[in-house]
Amino acid sequence: MSFLKRLFGGGGAETGEPKSTAPAKQVEHKGFLISATPYKADGQYQTCGVVSKEIDGVVKEHKFIRADRFAGLDDAVDISIKKGIQLVDEQGERIFG
């Protein structure tokens, strides 16, 4: 499948990326909720997650996917959480802008 198809929503079952999935793990950090949502791609687990926070009664979300891949789900979950914490520490609420 081509890069552009995946970029614009042609991915999913063929690439291993789920359309929607329950988080493998969630942690709260500085008022943000970080959800690890790694998915299987090419026989490994892709680092992926969501950073969310309620601001003025509206839940804002930022999905991130990183190039890091791991053989085990636990490693991918741990790194996804660490990357989410790093995003919050570096950008705070600007992540949603």
PDB file of N, CA and C in Angstrom:
ATOM      1  N   MET A   1       0.846  -1.172   0.000  1.00  0.00           N
ATOM      2  CA  MET A   1       0.000   0.000   0.000  1.00  0.00           C
ATOM      3  C   MET A   1       0.888   1.230   0.000  1.00  0.00           C
ATOM      4  N   SER A   2       0.534   2.217  -0.745  1.00  0.00           N
ATOM      5  CA  SER A   2       1.368   3.402  -0.877  1.00  0.00           C
ATOM      6  C   SER A   2       1.299   4.280   0.371  1.00  0.00           C
ATOM      7  N   PHE A   3       2.351   5.068   0.522  1.00  0.00           N
ATOM      8  CA  PHE A   3       2.440   6.003   1.645  1.00  0.00           C
ATOM      9  C   PHE A   3       1.260   6.969   1.652  1.00  0.00           C
ATOM     10  N   LEU A   4       0.901   7.511   0.492  1.00  0.00           N
ATOM     11  CA  LEU A   4      -0.182   8.490   0.424  1.00  0.00           C
ATOM     12  C   LEU A   4      -1.527   7.888   0.800  1.00  0.00           C
ATOM     13  N   LYS A   5      -1.754   6.644   0.410  1.00  0.00           N
ATOM     14  CA  LYS A   5      -3.014   5.995   0.782  1.00  0.00           C
ATOM     15  C   LYS A   5      -3.126   5.866   2.292  1.00  0.00           C
ATOM     16  N   ARG A   6      -2.020   5.465   2.931  1.00  0.00           N
ATOM     17  CA  ARG A   6      -2.031   5.339   4.389  1.00  0.00           C
ATOM     18  C   ARG A   6      -2.196   6.705   5.043  1.00  0.00           C
ATOM     19  N   LEU A   7      -1.546   7.712   4.489  1.00  0.00           N
ATOM     20  CA  LEU A   7      -1.606   9.055   5.055  1.00  0.00           C
ATOM     21  C   LEU A   7      -3.025   9.607   5.032  1.00  0.00           C
ATOM     22  N   PHE A   8      -3.764   9.326   3.958  1.00  0.00           N
ATOM     23  CA  PHE A   8      -5.095   9.885   3.808  1.00  0.00           C
ATOM     24  C   PHE A   8      -6.219   8.898   4.100  1.00  0.00           C
ATOM     25  N   GLY A   9      -5.920   7.889   4.911  1.00  0.00           N
ATOM     26  CA  GLY A   9      -6.979   7.030   5.415  1.00  0.00           C
ATOM     27  C   GLY A   9      -7.210   5.747   4.663  1.00  0.00           C
ATOM     28  N   GLY A  10      -6.338   5.377   3.759  1.00  0.00           N
ATOM     29  CA  GLY A  10      -6.507   4.125   3.031  1.00  0.00           C
ATOM     30  C   GLY A  10      -5.901   2.950   3.768  1.00  0.00           C
ATOM     31  N   GLY A  11      -5.383   3.184   4.966  1.00  0.00           N
ATOM     32  CA  GLY A  11      -4.728   2.132   5.751  1.00  0.00           C
ATOM     33  C   GLY A  11      -5.747   1.261   6.437  1.00  0.00           C
ATOM     34  N   GLY A  12      -5.395   0.785   7.600  1.00  0.00           N
ATOM     35  CA  GLY A  12      -6.325  -0.036   8.347  1.00  0.00           C
ATOM     36  C   GLY A  12      -5.881  -1.471   8.373  1.00  0.00           C
ATOM     37  N   ALA A  13      -6.771  -2.364   8.028  1.00  0.00           N
ATOM     38  CA  ALA A  13      -6.507  -3.787   8.161  1.00  0.00           C
ATOM     39  C   ALA A  13      -5.276  -4.245   7.380  1.00  0.00           C
ATOM     40  N   GLU A  14      -5.047  -3.678   6.200  1.00  0.00           N
ATOM     41  CA  GLU A  14      -3.910  -4.115   5.397  1.00  0.00           C
ATOM     42  C   GLU A  14      -2.576  -3.743   6.033  1.00  0.00           C
ATOM     43  N   THR A  15      -2.492  -2.603   6.693  1.00  0.00           N
ATOM     44  CA  THR A  15      -1.234  -2.156   7.274  1.00  0.00           C
ATOM     45  C   THR A  15      -1.073  -2.614   8.709  1.00  0.00           C
ATOM     46  N   GLY A  16      -2.130  -3.153   9.291  1.00  0.00           N
ATOM     47  CA  GLY A  16      -2.066  -3.559  10.677  1.00  0.00           C
ATOM     48  C   GLY A  16      -2.543  -2.471  11.616  1.00  0.00           C
ATOM     49  N   GLU A  17      -2.708  -1.242  11.124  1.00  0.00           N
ATOM     50  CA  GLU A  17      -3.153  -0.156  11.981  1.00  0.00           C
ATOM     51  C   GLU A  17      -4.651  -0.272  12.208  1.00  0.00           C
ATOM     52  N   PRO A  18      -5.074  -0.303  13.473  1.00  0.00           N
ATOM     53  CA  PRO A  18      -6.503  -0.413  13.757  1.00  0.00           C
ATOM     54  C   PRO A  18      -7.230   0.891  13.461  1.00  0.00           C
ATOM     55  N   LYS A  19      -8.478   0.790  13.053  1.00  0.00           N
ATOM     56  CA  LYS A  19      -9.301   1.986  12.847  1.00  0.00           C
ATOM     57  C   LYS A  19      -9.603   2.649  14.190  1.00  0.00           C
ATOM     58  N   SER A  20      -9.901   1.850  15.196  1.00  0.00           N
ATOM     59  CA  SER A  20     -10.070   2.346  16.555  1.00  0.00           C
ATOM     60  C   SER A  20      -9.713   1.201  17.497  1.00  0.00           C
ATOM     61  N   THR A  21      -9.152   1.550  18.629  1.00  0.00           N
ATOM     62  CA  THR A  21      -8.715   0.506  19.537  1.00  0.00           C
ATOM     63  C   THR A  21      -8.751   1.015  20.964  1.00  0.00           C
ATOM     64  N   ALA A  22      -8.942   0.097  21.891  1.00  0.00           N
ATOM     65  CA  ALA A  22      -8.878   0.457  23.299  1.00  0.00           C
ATOM     66  C   ALA A  22      -7.408   0.625  23.675  1.00  0.00           C
ATOM     67  N   PRO A  23      -7.106   1.608  24.513  1.00  0.00           N
ATOM     68  CA  PRO A  23      -5.712   1.806  24.921  1.00  0.00           C
ATOM     69  C   PRO A  23      -5.163   0.595  25.672  1.00  0.00           C
ATOM     70  N   ALA A  24      -3.900   0.276  25.404  1.00  0.00           N
ATOM     71  CA  ALA A  24      -3.244  -0.808  26.119  1.00  0.00           C
ATOM     72  C   ALA A  24      -2.917  -0.390  27.546  1.00  0.00           C
ATOM     73  N   LYS A  25      -2.703   0.925  27.749  1.00  0.00           N
ATOM     74  CA  LYS A  25      -2.386   1.473  29.064  1.00  0.00           C
ATOM     75  C   LYS A  25      -2.656   2.968  29.029  1.00  0.00           C
ATOM     76  N   GLN A  26      -3.082   3.519  30.163  1.00  0.00           N
ATOM     77  CA  GLN A  26      -3.298   4.956  30.283  1.00  0.00           C
ATOM     78  C   GLN A  26      -2.651   5.457  31.558  1.00  0.00           C
ATOM     79  N   VAL A  27      -2.062   6.654  31.480  1.00  0.00           N
ATOM     80  CA  VAL A  27      -1.523   7.307  32.663  1.00  0.00           C
ATOM     81  C   VAL A  27      -1.907   8.779  32.622  1.00  0.00           C
ATOM     82  N   GLU A  28      -2.009   9.385  33.800  1.00  0.00           N
ATOM     83  CA  GLU A  28      -2.262  10.809  33.894  1.00  0.00           C
ATOM     84  C   GLU A  28      -0.943  11.488  34.218  1.00  0.00           C
ATOM     85  N   HIS A  29      -0.679  12.603  33.526  1.00  0.00           N
ATOM     86  CA  HIS A  29       0.563  13.342  33.715  1.00  0.00           C
ATOM     87  C   HIS A  29       0.270  14.823  33.552  1.00  0.00           C
ATOM     88  N   LYS A  30       0.449  15.581  34.632  1.00  0.00           N
ATOM     89  CA  LYS A  30       0.253  17.036  34.624  1.00  0.00           C
ATOM     90  C   LYS A  30      -1.121  17.445  34.102  1.00  0.00           C
ATOM     91  N   GLY A  31      -2.142  16.665  34.425  1.00  0.00           N
ATOM     92  CA  GLY A  31      -3.503  16.978  33.997  1.00  0.00           C
ATOM     93  C   GLY A  31      -3.870  16.446  32.626  1.00  0.00           C
ATOM     94  N   PHE A  32      -2.942  15.820  31.934  1.00  0.00           N
ATOM     95  CA  PHE A  32      -3.186  15.224  30.628  1.00  0.00           C
ATOM     96  C   PHE A  32      -3.380  13.719  30.802  1.00  0.00           C
ATOM     97  N   LEU A  33      -4.167  13.114  29.928  1.00  0.00           N
ATOM     98  CA  LEU A  33      -4.311  11.672  29.900  1.00  0.00           C
ATOM     99  C   LEU A  33      -3.514  11.155  28.705  1.00  0.00           C
ATOM    100  N   ILE A  34      -2.588  10.262  28.968  1.00  0.00           N
ATOM    101  CA  ILE A  34      -1.763   9.684  27.910  1.00  0.00           C
ATOM    102  C   ILE A  34      -2.188   8.231  27.742  1.00  0.00           C
ATOM    103  N   SER A  35      -2.584   7.880  26.524  1.00  0.00           N
ATOM    104  CA  SER A  35      -3.051   6.535  26.210  1.00  0.00           C
ATOM    105  C   SER A  35      -2.098   5.893  25.217  1.00  0.00           C
ATOM    106  N   ALA A  36      -1.584   4.719  25.552  1.00  0.00           N
ATOM    107  CA  ALA A  36      -0.731   3.962  24.640  1.00  0.00           C
ATOM    108  C   ALA A  36      -1.614   3.103  23.755  1.00  0.00           C
ATOM    109  N   THR A  37      -1.461   3.257  22.435  1.00  0.00           N
ATOM    110  CA  THR A  37      -2.273   2.500  21.485  1.00  0.00           C
ATOM    111  C   THR A  37      -1.398   1.888  20.380  1.00  0.00           C
ATOM    112  N   PRO A  38      -0.338   1.166  20.748  1.00  0.00           N
ATOM    113  CA  PRO A  38       0.504   0.587  19.702  1.00  0.00           C
ATOM    114  C   PRO A  38      -0.280  -0.420  18.868  1.00  0.00           C
ATOM    115  N   TYR A  39       0.139  -0.576  17.629  1.00  0.00           N
ATOM    116  CA  TYR A  39      -0.528  -1.514  16.738  1.00  0.00           C
ATOM    117  C   TYR A  39       0.524  -2.356  16.015  1.00  0.00           C
ATOM    118  N   LYS A  40       0.093  -3.502  15.540  1.00  0.00           N
ATOM    119  CA  LYS A  40       1.012  -4.421  14.872  1.00  0.00           C
ATOM    120  C   LYS A  40       1.194  -4.001  13.420  1.00  0.00           C
ATOM    121  N   ALA A  41       2.455  -3.891  13.006  1.00  0.00           N
ATOM    122  CA  ALA A  41       2.789  -3.536  11.627  1.00  0.00           C
ATOM    123  C   ALA A  41       4.035  -4.300  11.221  1.00  0.00           C
ATOM    124  N   ASP A  42       3.937  -5.031  10.152  1.00  0.00           N
ATOM    125  CA  ASP A  42       5.074  -5.807   9.633  1.00  0.00           C
ATOM    126  C   ASP A  42       5.681  -6.722  10.692  1.00  0.00           C
ATOM    127  N   GLY A  43       4.838  -7.340  11.505  1.00  0.00           N
ATOM    128  CA  GLY A  43       5.303  -8.295  12.501  1.00  0.00           C
ATOM    129  C   GLY A  43       5.864  -7.692  13.771  1.00  0.00           C
ATOM    130  N   GLN A  44       5.804  -6.364  13.892  1.00  0.00           N
ATOM    131  CA  GLN A  44       6.279  -5.694  15.107  1.00  0.00           C
ATOM    132  C   GLN A  44       5.209  -4.717  15.576  1.00  0.00           C
ATOM    133  N   TYR A  45       5.421  -4.163  16.776  1.00  0.00           N
ATOM    134  CA  TYR A  45       4.464  -3.199  17.330  1.00  0.00           C
ATOM    135  C   TYR A  45       4.981  -1.783  17.137  1.00  0.00           C
ATOM    136  N   GLN A  46       4.157  -0.955  16.495  1.00  0.00           N
ATOM    137  CA  GLN A  46       4.482   0.434  16.190  1.00  0.00           C
ATOM    138  C   GLN A  46       4.153   1.314  17.398  1.00  0.00           C
ATOM    139  N   THR A  47       5.069   2.214  17.742  1.00  0.00           N
ATOM    140  CA  THR A  47       4.846   3.157  18.832  1.00  0.00           C
ATOM    141  C   THR A  47       3.740   4.127  18.418  1.00  0.00           C
ATOM    142  N   CYS A  48       2.697   4.226  19.240  1.00  0.00           N
ATOM    143  CA  CYS A  48       1.540   5.048  18.903  1.00  0.00           C
ATOM    144  C   CYS A  48       0.785   5.381  20.185  1.00  0.00           C
ATOM    145  N   GLY A  49       0.181   6.562  20.225  1.00  0.00           N
ATOM    146  CA  GLY A  49      -0.591   6.928  21.397  1.00  0.00           C
ATOM    147  C   GLY A  49      -1.424   8.171  21.181  1.00  0.00           C
ATOM    148  N   VAL A  50      -2.147   8.548  22.227  1.00  0.00           N
ATOM    149  CA  VAL A  50      -2.995   9.732  22.201  1.00  0.00           C
ATOM    150  C   VAL A  50      -2.775  10.507  23.495  1.00  0.00           C
ATOM    151  N   VAL A  51      -2.577  11.815  23.343  1.00  0.00           N
ATOM    152  CA  VAL A  51      -2.515  12.720  24.492  1.00  0.00           C
ATOM    153  C   VAL A  51      -3.822  13.499  24.480  1.00  0.00           C
ATOM    154  N   SER A  52      -4.539  13.525  25.607  1.00  0.00           N
ATOM    155  CA  SER A  52      -5.810  14.244  25.660  1.00  0.00           C
ATOM    156  C   SER A  52      -5.931  15.034  26.952  1.00  0.00           C
ATOM    157  N   LYS A  53      -6.783  16.061  26.879  1.00  0.00           N
ATOM    158  CA  LYS A  53      -7.052  16.894  28.049  1.00  0.00           C
ATOM    159  C   LYS A  53      -8.354  17.641  27.811  1.00  0.00           C
ATOM    160  N   GLU A  54      -9.140  17.782  28.870  1.00  0.00           N
ATOM    161  CA  GLU A  54     -10.359  18.576  28.782  1.00  0.00           C
ATOM    162  C   GLU A  54     -10.002  20.030  29.027  1.00  0.00           C
ATOM    163  N   ILE A  55     -10.339  20.888  28.063  1.00  0.00           N
ATOM    164  CA  ILE A  55     -10.067  22.320  28.148  1.00  0.00           C
ATOM    165  C   ILE A  55     -11.375  23.058  27.894  1.00  0.00           C
ATOM    166  N   ASP A  56     -11.817  23.834  28.861  1.00  0.00           N
ATOM    167  CA  ASP A  56     -13.069  24.585  28.760  1.00  0.00           C
ATOM    168  C   ASP A  56     -14.248  23.695  28.377  1.00  0.00           C
ATOM    169  N   GLY A  57     -14.301  22.502  28.959  1.00  0.00           N
ATOM    170  CA  GLY A  57     -15.408  21.591  28.732  1.00  0.00           C
ATOM    171  C   GLY A  57     -15.325  20.778  27.445  1.00  0.00           C
ATOM    172  N   VAL A  58     -14.247  20.955  26.688  1.00  0.00           N
ATOM    173  CA  VAL A  58     -14.077  20.229  25.432  1.00  0.00           C
ATOM    174  C   VAL A  58     -12.831  19.348  25.535  1.00  0.00           C
ATOM    175  N   VAL A  59     -12.971  18.076  25.173  1.00  0.00           N
ATOM    176  CA  VAL A  59     -11.828  17.164  25.210  1.00  0.00           C
ATOM    177  C   VAL A  59     -11.021  17.344  23.927  1.00  0.00           C
ATOM    178  N   LYS A  60      -9.775  17.728  24.095  1.00  0.00           N
ATOM    179  CA  LYS A  60      -8.841  17.899  22.976  1.00  0.00           C
ATOM    180  C   LYS A  60      -7.954  16.660  22.920  1.00  0.00           C
ATOM    181  N   GLU A  61      -7.636  16.208  21.708  1.00  0.00           N
ATOM    182  CA  GLU A  61      -6.791  15.030  21.532  1.00  0.00           C
ATOM    183  C   GLU A  61      -5.707  15.297  20.503  1.00  0.00           C
ATOM    184  N   HIS A  62      -4.555  14.682  20.741  1.00  0.00           N
ATOM    185  CA  HIS A  62      -3.449  14.715  19.785  1.00  0.00           C
ATOM    186  C   HIS A  62      -2.924  13.297  19.637  1.00  0.00           C
ATOM    187  N   LYS A  63      -3.074  12.731  18.442  1.00  0.00           N
ATOM    188  CA  LYS A  63      -2.582  11.374  18.183  1.00  0.00           C
ATOM    189  C   LYS A  63      -1.150  11.473  17.672  1.00  0.00           C
ATOM    190  N   PHE A  64      -0.302  10.590  18.160  1.00  0.00           N
ATOM    191  CA  PHE A  64       1.070  10.559  17.675  1.00  0.00           C
ATOM    192  C   PHE A  64       1.462   9.139  17.287  1.00  0.00           C
ATOM    193  N   ILE A  65       2.274   9.056  16.252  1.00  0.00           N
ATOM    194  CA  ILE A  65       2.844   7.792  15.790  1.00  0.00           C
ATOM    195  C   ILE A  65       4.327   8.052  15.582  1.00  0.00           C
ATOM    196  N   ARG A  66       5.149   7.173  16.098  1.00  0.00           N
ATOM    197  CA  ARG A  66       6.597   7.308  15.962  1.00  0.00           C
ATOM    198  C   ARG A  66       7.145   6.145  15.146  1.00  0.00           C
ATOM    199  N   ALA A  67       8.327   6.312  14.634  1.00  0.00           N
ATOM    200  CA  ALA A  67       8.953   5.298  13.785  1.00  0.00           C
ATOM    201  C   ALA A  67       9.406   4.074  14.576  1.00  0.00           C
ATOM    202  N   ASP A  68       9.528   4.196  15.887  1.00  0.00           N
ATOM    203  CA  ASP A  68      10.021   3.103  16.727  1.00  0.00           C
ATOM    204  C   ASP A  68       9.094   1.893  16.639  1.00  0.00           C
ATOM    205  N   ARG A  69       9.700   0.723  16.448  1.00  0.00           N
ATOM    206  CA  ARG A  69       8.951  -0.540  16.434  1.00  0.00           C
ATOM    207  C   ARG A  69       9.636  -1.524  17.372  1.00  0.00           C
ATOM    208  N   PHE A  70       8.825  -2.411  17.968  1.00  0.00           N
ATOM    209  CA  PHE A  70       9.326  -3.360  18.954  1.00  0.00           C
ATOM    210  C   PHE A  70       8.736  -4.733  18.712  1.00  0.00           C
ATOM    211  N   ALA A  71       9.498  -5.755  19.069  1.00  0.00           N
ATOM    212  CA  ALA A  71       9.024  -7.129  18.922  1.00  0.00           C
ATOM    213  C   ALA A  71       7.908  -7.442  19.914  1.00  0.00           C
ATOM    214  N   GLY A  72       7.986  -6.842  21.117  1.00  0.00           N
ATOM    215  CA  GLY A  72       7.000  -7.118  22.154  1.00  0.00           C
ATOM    216  C   GLY A  72       6.057  -5.956  22.406  1.00  0.00           C
ATOM    217  N   LEU A  73       4.801  -6.284  22.696  1.00  0.00           N
ATOM    218  CA  LEU A  73       3.789  -5.269  22.975  1.00  0.00           C
ATOM    219  C   LEU A  73       4.148  -4.447  24.207  1.00  0.00           C
ATOM    220  N   ASP A  74       4.646  -5.087  25.258  1.00  0.00           N
ATOM    221  CA  ASP A  74       4.969  -4.357  26.495  1.00  0.00           C
ATOM    222  C   ASP A  74       5.989  -3.260  26.254  1.00  0.00           C
ATOM    223  N   ASP A  75       7.001  -3.527  25.448  1.00  0.00           N
ATOM    224  CA  ASP A  75       8.010  -2.507  25.140  1.00  0.00           C
ATOM    225  C   ASP A  75       7.391  -1.342  24.371  1.00  0.00           C
ATOM    226  N   ALA A  76       6.530  -1.658  23.411  1.00  0.00           N
ATOM    227  CA  ALA A  76       5.869  -0.615  22.620  1.00  0.00           C
ATOM    228  C   ALA A  76       4.957   0.239  23.497  1.00  0.00           C
ATOM    229  N   VAL A  77       4.276  -0.380  24.440  1.00  0.00           N
ATOM    230  CA  VAL A  77       3.403   0.357  25.360  1.00  0.00           C
ATOM    231  C   VAL A  77       4.240   1.294  26.225  1.00  0.00           C
ATOM    232  N   ASP A  78       5.322   0.781  26.806  1.00  0.00           N
ATOM    233  CA  ASP A  78       6.170   1.604  27.673  1.00  0.00           C
ATOM    234  C   ASP A  78       6.736   2.809  26.932  1.00  0.00           C
ATOM    235  N   ILE A  79       7.215   2.606  25.724  1.00  0.00           N
ATOM    236  CA  ILE A  79       7.798   3.712  24.953  1.00  0.00           C
ATOM    237  C   ILE A  79       6.703   4.688  24.506  1.00  0.00           C
ATOM    238  N   SER A  80       5.530   4.196  24.176  1.00  0.00           N
ATOM    239  CA  SER A  80       4.420   5.078  23.796  1.00  0.00           C
ATOM    240  C   SER A  80       4.057   6.008  24.950  1.00  0.00           C
ATOM    241  N   ILE A  81       4.019   5.477  26.163  1.00  0.00           N
ATOM    242  CA  ILE A  81       3.733   6.306  27.343  1.00  0.00           C
ATOM    243  C   ILE A  81       4.851   7.332  27.544  1.00  0.00           C
ATOM    244  N   LYS A  82       6.102   6.897  27.430  1.00  0.00           N
ATOM    245  CA  LYS A  82       7.237   7.821  27.605  1.00  0.00           C
ATOM    246  C   LYS A  82       7.222   8.925  26.561  1.00  0.00           C
ATOM    247  N   LYS A  83       6.886   8.608  25.318  1.00  0.00           N
ATOM    248  CA  LYS A  83       6.817   9.621  24.257  1.00  0.00           C
ATOM    249  C   LYS A  83       5.683  10.610  24.536  1.00  0.00           C
ATOM    250  N   GLY A  84       4.552  10.107  25.035  1.00  0.00           N
ATOM    251  CA  GLY A  84       3.443  10.991  25.390  1.00  0.00           C
ATOM    252  C   GLY A  84       3.824  11.945  26.508  1.00  0.00           C
ATOM    253  N   ILE A  85       4.514  11.441  27.524  1.00  0.00           N
ATOM    254  CA  ILE A  85       4.983  12.289  28.628  1.00  0.00           C
ATOM    255  C   ILE A  85       5.953  13.339  28.105  1.00  0.00           C
ATOM    256  N   GLN A  86       6.837  12.938  27.209  1.00  0.00           N
ATOM    257  CA  GLN A  86       7.796  13.868  26.621  1.00  0.00           C
ATOM    258  C   GLN A  86       7.078  14.987  25.859  1.00  0.00           C
ATOM    259  N   LEU A  87       6.040  14.640  25.092  1.00  0.00           N
ATOM    260  CA  LEU A  87       5.264  15.648  24.368  1.00  0.00           C
ATOM    261  C   LEU A  87       4.618  16.644  25.324  1.00  0.00           C
ATOM    262  N   VAL A  88       4.040  16.146  26.405  1.00  0.00           N
ATOM    263  CA  VAL A  88       3.405  17.019  27.399  1.00  0.00           C
ATOM    264  C   VAL A  88       4.439  17.933  28.045  1.00  0.00           C
ATOM    265  N   ASP A  89       5.578  17.369  28.433  1.00  0.00           N
ATOM    266  CA  ASP A  89       6.621  18.161  29.089  1.00  0.00           C
ATOM    267  C   ASP A  89       7.181  19.241  28.171  1.00  0.00           C
ATOM    268  N   GLU A  90       7.321  18.937  26.890  1.00  0.00           N
ATOM    269  CA  GLU A  90       7.914  19.891  25.956  1.00  0.00           C
ATOM    270  C   GLU A  90       6.906  20.919  25.426  1.00  0.00           C
ATOM    271  N   GLN A  91       5.642  20.501  25.221  1.00  0.00           N
ATOM    272  CA  GLN A  91       4.687  21.386  24.534  1.00  0.00           C
ATOM    273  C   GLN A  91       3.482  21.802  25.370  1.00  0.00           C
ATOM    274  N   GLY A  92       3.141  21.042  26.379  1.00  0.00           N
ATOM    275  CA  GLY A  92       1.959  21.376  27.179  1.00  0.00           C
ATOM    276  C   GLY A  92       0.724  21.478  26.294  1.00  0.00           C
ATOM    277  N   GLU A  93      -0.125  22.457  26.568  1.00  0.00           N
ATOM    278  CA  GLU A  93      -1.375  22.623  25.823  1.00  0.00           C
ATOM    279  C   GLU A  93      -1.157  23.077  24.377  1.00  0.00           C
ATOM    280  N   ARG A  94       0.039  23.556  24.064  1.00  0.00           N
ATOM    281  CA  ARG A  94       0.326  23.952  22.681  1.00  0.00           C
ATOM    282  C   ARG A  94       0.241  22.769  21.716  1.00  0.00           C
ATOM    283  N   ILE A  95       0.291  21.567  22.257  1.00  0.00           N
ATOM    284  CA  ILE A  95       0.201  20.368  21.425  1.00  0.00           C
ATOM    285  C   ILE A  95      -1.099  20.324  20.625  1.00  0.00           C
ATOM    286  N   PHE A  96      -2.129  20.984  21.135  1.00  0.00           N
ATOM    287  CA  PHE A  96      -3.439  20.959  20.494  1.00  0.00           C
ATOM    288  C   PHE A  96      -3.618  22.097  19.483  1.00  0.00           C
ATOM    289  N   GLY A  97      -2.684  23.009  19.422  1.00  0.00           N
ATOM    290  CA  GLY A  97      -2.824  24.192  18.560  1.00  0.00           C
ATOM    291  C   GLY A  97      -2.270  23.992  17.246  1.00  0.00           C
TER     292      GLY A  97
END
